């Protein structure tokens, strides 16, 4: 492997304030997701301001719920450091917490506005995947969300570029770039989501597919990570939530398609 310098997680400084690549990439993911989802929503006959109004509530609530989720599963630490609970700038948020907050906010908001929840989340999943794909590279910049140490054989045979593996080398030890595995998994999921727009899916099934696809990948990738949150013992929170999401999504799909017999398709306005 070519010995490259480690990438600095700080993009630039403004006086005493540091602007990190993590924040830049998260912001980039949000902007690109907004552009894609906004275009599709308008195409599907939704009001141009609907997504902006929704995000005003969904973004801050998702950040708070992501922090709450992290604190709950790290309570053994935070119960003795209560003052650090609000120090979100020090790190410690969880994507599952953010998703839960976003879905609850969207459900309530769509009910208030009289808009179909299922139509909204069907359209939004492409944006979610875009945000997750880009956001994982923030983990890369921070040298976090990695897996366990890799073997010499892995380093000799891997087709992963040297600059990625060098960034995953911390204090002389090279780790599995699980951030990359999840990003690639989500890229494949995004491609499938785009292709599914041409299939006669019932309303809500695009969103349910996303839940299953993301959860399957996250379950296996989470098993490789070294920074997992745990429910009890060796039971990883992300794996438990992933299994629950898969089961719930399949049950809802069966109910909506075969019991409720939903006859509205994705492309219907």
Protein backbone atom coordinates (compact mmCIF):
# COMPACT_ATOMS: atom_id res chain seq x y z
CA UNK A 1 0.00 0.00 0.00
CA UNK A 2 1.14 3.53 -0.74
CA UNK A 3 1.84 5.37 2.46
CA UNK A 4 -0.34 8.49 2.25
CA UNK A 5 -0.93 11.09 4.91
CA UNK A 6 -4.04 10.72 7.03
CA UNK A 7 -6.84 13.03 5.89
CA UNK A 8 -7.46 15.87 8.32
CA UNK A 9 -11.08 15.77 9.62
CA UNK A 10 -10.99 19.59 9.87
CA UNK A 11 -11.67 21.21 6.50
CA UNK A 12 -10.76 24.73 7.61
CA UNK A 13 -10.87 27.05 10.62
CA UNK A 14 -12.62 30.36 11.17
CA UNK A 15 -10.81 31.85 14.13
CA UNK A 16 -11.42 29.49 17.05
CA UNK A 17 -14.16 27.63 15.17
CA UNK A 18 -13.30 24.49 13.24
CA UNK A 19 -15.38 23.46 10.24
CA UNK A 20 -15.19 19.70 9.89
CA UNK A 21 -15.59 17.59 6.78
CA UNK A 22 -18.22 15.56 8.66
CA UNK A 23 -20.50 18.57 8.92
CA UNK A 24 -19.83 19.63 5.33
CA UNK A 25 -20.70 16.17 4.00
CA UNK A 26 -23.84 15.91 6.14
CA UNK A 27 -24.95 19.31 4.82
CA UNK A 28 -24.14 18.27 1.25
CA UNK A 29 -26.18 15.10 1.69
CA UNK A 30 -29.17 17.08 2.96
CA UNK A 31 -28.98 19.58 0.07
CA UNK A 32 -28.70 16.91 -2.63
CA UNK A 33 -31.47 14.86 -1.01
CA UNK A 34 -33.69 17.93 -0.90
CA UNK A 35 -33.13 18.70 -4.59
CA UNK A 36 -33.96 15.13 -5.68
CA UNK A 37 -37.00 14.71 -3.41
CA UNK A 38 -38.35 18.20 -4.16
CA UNK A 39 -38.26 17.54 -7.89
CA UNK A 40 -40.09 14.23 -7.51
CA UNK A 41 -42.69 15.66 -5.14
CA UNK A 42 -43.58 18.49 -7.52
CA UNK A 43 -43.72 15.96 -10.37
CA UNK A 44 -46.19 13.93 -8.30
CA UNK A 45 -48.46 16.93 -7.82
CA UNK A 46 -47.42 17.99 -4.32
CA UNK A 47 -47.12 21.65 -3.28
CA UNK A 48 -43.62 23.10 -3.92
CA UNK A 49 -43.36 24.36 -0.33
CA UNK A 50 -44.46 21.10 1.30
CA UNK A 51 -40.98 19.57 1.64
CA UNK A 52 -39.41 22.80 2.93
CA UNK A 53 -42.12 23.16 5.59
CA UNK A 54 -41.70 19.51 6.59
CA UNK A 55 -37.91 19.76 6.91
CA UNK A 56 -38.18 22.80 9.19
CA UNK A 57 -39.62 20.38 11.74
CA UNK A 58 -38.07 17.08 10.70
CA UNK A 59 -34.38 18.08 10.66
CA UNK A 60 -34.08 19.44 14.24
CA UNK A 61 -36.38 16.73 15.63
CA UNK A 62 -34.30 14.05 13.90
CA UNK A 63 -31.09 15.44 15.39
CA UNK A 64 -32.63 15.48 18.87
CA UNK A 65 -34.06 11.96 18.50
CA UNK A 66 -30.71 10.70 17.17
CA UNK A 67 -29.06 12.06 20.32
CA UNK A 68 -31.75 10.65 22.62
CA UNK A 69 -31.35 7.21 21.01
CA UNK A 70 -27.58 7.34 21.51
CA UNK A 71 -27.85 8.48 25.13
CA UNK A 72 -30.41 5.77 25.98
CA UNK A 73 -28.13 3.00 24.77
CA UNK A 74 -25.09 4.64 26.39
CA UNK A 75 -26.83 5.35 29.68
CA UNK A 76 -24.19 3.58 31.81
CA UNK A 77 -21.87 6.42 30.83
CA UNK A 78 -24.26 9.37 30.72
CA UNK A 79 -25.94 8.64 34.06
CA UNK A 80 -22.68 9.69 35.68
CA UNK A 81 -22.06 12.52 33.19
CA UNK A 82 -25.45 14.21 32.87
CA UNK A 83 -23.92 17.52 31.81
CA UNK A 84 -22.58 15.90 28.64
CA UNK A 85 -25.99 14.76 27.39
CA UNK A 86 -26.55 18.03 25.55
CA UNK A 87 -22.98 18.22 24.21
CA UNK A 88 -23.94 16.88 20.80
CA UNK A 89 -21.00 18.73 19.22
CA UNK A 90 -18.72 16.21 20.91
CA UNK A 91 -20.28 13.42 18.83
CA UNK A 92 -22.75 10.71 19.67
CA UNK A 93 -25.77 10.47 17.40
CA UNK A 94 -27.37 7.39 15.85
CA UNK A 95 -28.93 7.07 12.40
CA UNK A 96 -31.72 4.82 13.69
CA UNK A 97 -32.72 7.49 16.18
CA UNK A 98 -32.75 10.09 13.41
CA UNK A 99 -34.90 7.87 11.18
CA UNK A 100 -37.39 7.19 13.96
CA UNK A 101 -37.70 10.91 14.65
CA UNK A 102 -38.07 11.71 10.95
CA UNK A 103 -40.77 9.08 10.37
CA UNK A 104 -42.81 10.14 13.41
CA UNK A 105 -42.54 13.81 12.43
CA UNK A 106 -43.54 13.04 8.85
CA UNK A 107 -46.54 10.97 9.98
CA UNK A 108 -47.85 13.73 12.24
CA UNK A 109 -47.13 16.49 9.74
CA UNK A 110 -48.84 14.70 6.83
CA UNK A 111 -51.92 14.08 8.98
CA UNK A 112 -52.08 17.77 9.87
CA UNK A 113 -51.65 18.84 6.24
CA UNK A 114 -54.04 16.20 4.88
CA UNK A 115 -51.38 14.64 2.67
CA UNK A 116 -50.80 10.91 2.22
CA UNK A 117 -48.08 9.68 4.57
CA UNK A 118 -47.33 6.72 2.31
CA UNK A 119 -47.00 8.89 -0.79
CA UNK A 120 -44.65 11.24 1.07
CA UNK A 121 -42.31 8.55 2.40
CA UNK A 122 -42.34 6.66 -0.90
CA UNK A 123 -40.93 9.74 -2.58
CA UNK A 124 -38.56 10.58 0.28
CA UNK A 125 -36.67 7.26 0.45
CA UNK A 126 -34.43 8.15 -2.50
CA UNK A 127 -33.37 11.26 -0.60
CA UNK A 128 -32.79 9.27 2.58
CA UNK A 129 -30.45 6.94 0.74
CA UNK A 130 -28.57 9.85 -0.84
CA UNK A 131 -28.09 11.42 2.59
CA UNK A 132 -26.89 8.12 4.07
CA UNK A 133 -24.53 7.43 1.16
CA UNK A 134 -22.81 10.79 1.50
CA UNK A 135 -23.05 10.97 5.29
CA UNK A 136 -21.07 7.76 5.75
CA UNK A 137 -18.09 9.48 4.16
CA UNK A 138 -18.16 11.86 7.09
CA UNK A 139 -17.38 8.80 9.22
CA UNK A 140 -14.48 8.11 6.88
CA UNK A 141 -13.06 11.60 7.46
CA UNK A 142 -13.38 11.12 11.23
CA UNK A 143 -11.85 7.62 11.12
CA UNK A 144 -14.92 6.18 12.84
CA UNK A 145 -17.71 3.64 12.26
CA UNK A 146 -15.07 1.12 11.14
CA UNK A 147 -14.88 -2.61 11.69
CA UNK A 148 -12.29 -4.81 13.30
CA UNK A 149 -8.66 -5.17 12.20
CA UNK A 150 -8.06 -6.60 8.72
CA UNK A 151 -5.61 -9.39 7.91
CA UNK A 152 -2.49 -9.10 5.80
CA UNK A 153 -4.19 -11.30 3.20
CA UNK A 154 -7.08 -8.84 3.00
CA UNK A 155 -4.68 -5.95 2.41
CA UNK A 156 -2.86 -7.89 -0.30
CA UNK A 157 -6.01 -8.91 -2.19
CA UNK A 158 -8.38 -5.99 -1.65
CA UNK A 159 -9.39 -3.81 -4.57
CA UNK A 160 -10.24 -0.97 -2.20
CA UNK A 161 -8.05 2.09 -3.03
CA UNK A 162 -5.01 2.72 -0.87
CA UNK A 163 -6.21 6.18 0.19
CA UNK A 164 -9.26 4.62 1.82
CA UNK A 165 -7.30 1.90 3.60
CA UNK A 166 -4.71 4.43 4.75
CA UNK A 167 -7.44 6.55 6.34
CA UNK A 168 -8.69 3.38 8.06
CA UNK A 169 -5.22 2.85 9.55
CA UNK A 170 -5.28 4.14 13.12
CA UNK A 171 -2.23 3.98 15.36
CA UNK A 172 -0.64 1.43 13.03
CA UNK A 173 -3.67 -0.88 12.80
CA UNK A 174 -5.79 -1.09 9.63
CA UNK A 175 -9.52 -1.68 10.09
CA UNK A 176 -12.37 -2.82 7.87
CA UNK A 177 -13.92 0.26 6.14
CA UNK A 178 -17.48 -0.62 7.16
CA UNK A 179 -18.53 2.94 6.35
CA UNK A 180 -17.67 2.07 2.73
CA UNK A 181 -19.58 -1.21 2.79
CA UNK A 182 -22.72 0.55 3.98
CA UNK A 183 -22.31 3.40 1.50
CA UNK A 184 -21.98 0.94 -1.39
CA UNK A 185 -24.95 -1.09 -0.14
CA UNK A 186 -27.04 2.07 -0.12
CA UNK A 187 -25.88 3.01 -3.63
CA UNK A 188 -27.21 -0.32 -4.89
CA UNK A 189 -30.42 0.31 -2.94
CA UNK A 190 -30.78 3.75 -4.54
CA UNK A 191 -30.39 2.28 -8.03
CA UNK A 192 -33.06 -0.31 -7.26
CA UNK A 193 -35.38 2.39 -5.86
CA UNK A 194 -35.04 4.39 -9.08
CA UNK A 195 -35.76 1.30 -11.19
CA UNK A 196 -38.77 0.39 -9.04
CA UNK A 197 -40.42 3.68 -10.02
CA UNK A 198 -41.22 1.99 -13.33
CA UNK A 199 -42.83 -1.01 -11.62
CA UNK A 200 -46.49 -1.12 -10.57
CA UNK A 201 -45.76 -0.97 -6.84
CA UNK A 202 -48.60 -0.13 -4.49
CA UNK A 203 -48.33 3.09 -2.55
CA UNK A 204 -46.12 2.57 0.49
CA UNK A 205 -44.17 -0.37 -0.93
CA UNK A 206 -41.23 1.78 -2.03
CA UNK A 207 -40.82 2.88 1.58
CA UNK A 208 -41.24 -0.68 2.88
CA UNK A 209 -38.62 -1.90 0.41
CA UNK A 210 -36.24 0.75 1.74
CA UNK A 211 -36.80 -0.41 5.32
CA UNK A 212 -36.03 -4.02 4.41
CA UNK A 213 -33.08 -3.26 2.14
CA UNK A 214 -31.33 -0.86 4.51
CA UNK A 215 -32.01 -3.06 7.54
CA UNK A 216 -30.63 -6.23 5.94
CA UNK A 217 -27.39 -4.47 5.03
CA UNK A 218 -27.12 -2.71 8.37
CA UNK A 219 -27.65 -5.96 10.29
CA UNK A 220 -24.64 -7.68 8.74
CA UNK A 221 -22.39 -4.61 8.58
CA UNK A 222 -23.17 -3.75 12.21
CA UNK A 223 -21.83 -7.15 13.22
CA UNK A 224 -18.41 -6.07 11.91
CA UNK A 225 -18.26 -2.72 13.70
CA UNK A 226 -16.34 -2.03 16.89
CA UNK A 227 -18.34 0.99 18.09
CA UNK A 228 -21.80 -0.56 18.41
CA UNK A 229 -24.40 0.42 20.97
CA UNK A 230 -25.67 -2.55 22.99
CA UNK A 231 -29.09 -3.34 24.43
CA UNK A 232 -27.88 -5.98 26.86
CA UNK A 233 -24.85 -8.25 26.82
CA UNK A 234 -23.72 -8.79 23.23
CA UNK A 235 -27.09 -7.84 21.70
CA UNK A 236 -26.39 -4.87 19.43
CA UNK A 237 -29.07 -2.17 19.33
CA UNK A 238 -28.74 -1.57 15.58
CA UNK A 239 -29.14 -5.26 14.81
CA UNK A 240 -32.22 -5.55 17.03
CA UNK A 241 -33.81 -2.48 15.44
CA UNK A 242 -32.93 -3.81 11.97
CA UNK A 243 -34.65 -7.14 12.61
CA UNK A 244 -37.72 -5.38 14.01
CA UNK A 245 -37.84 -3.06 10.99
CA UNK A 246 -37.68 -6.01 8.56
CA UNK A 247 -40.44 -7.93 10.35
CA UNK A 248 -42.69 -4.88 10.72
CA UNK A 249 -42.17 -3.85 7.07
CA UNK A 250 -43.07 -7.32 5.77
CA UNK A 251 -46.17 -7.50 8.00
CA UNK A 252 -47.36 -4.07 6.84
CA UNK A 253 -46.73 -4.98 3.19
CA UNK A 254 -48.81 -8.16 3.52
CA UNK A 255 -51.63 -6.34 5.31
CA UNK A 256 -51.78 -3.46 2.80
CA UNK A 257 -51.51 -5.62 -0.33
CA UNK A 258 -53.56 -8.69 0.59
CA UNK A 259 -55.93 -7.62 3.38
CA UNK A 260 -56.59 -3.93 2.79
CA UNK A 261 -56.01 -4.46 -0.95
CA UNK A 262 -54.57 -1.00 -1.54
CA UNK A 263 -55.24 -0.12 -5.18
CA UNK A 264 -53.24 3.13 -5.41
CA UNK A 265 -49.88 2.82 -7.18
CA UNK A 266 -46.69 4.78 -6.57
CA UNK A 267 -47.05 6.93 -9.67
CA UNK A 268 -50.68 7.88 -8.95
CA UNK A 269 -51.23 11.46 -7.81
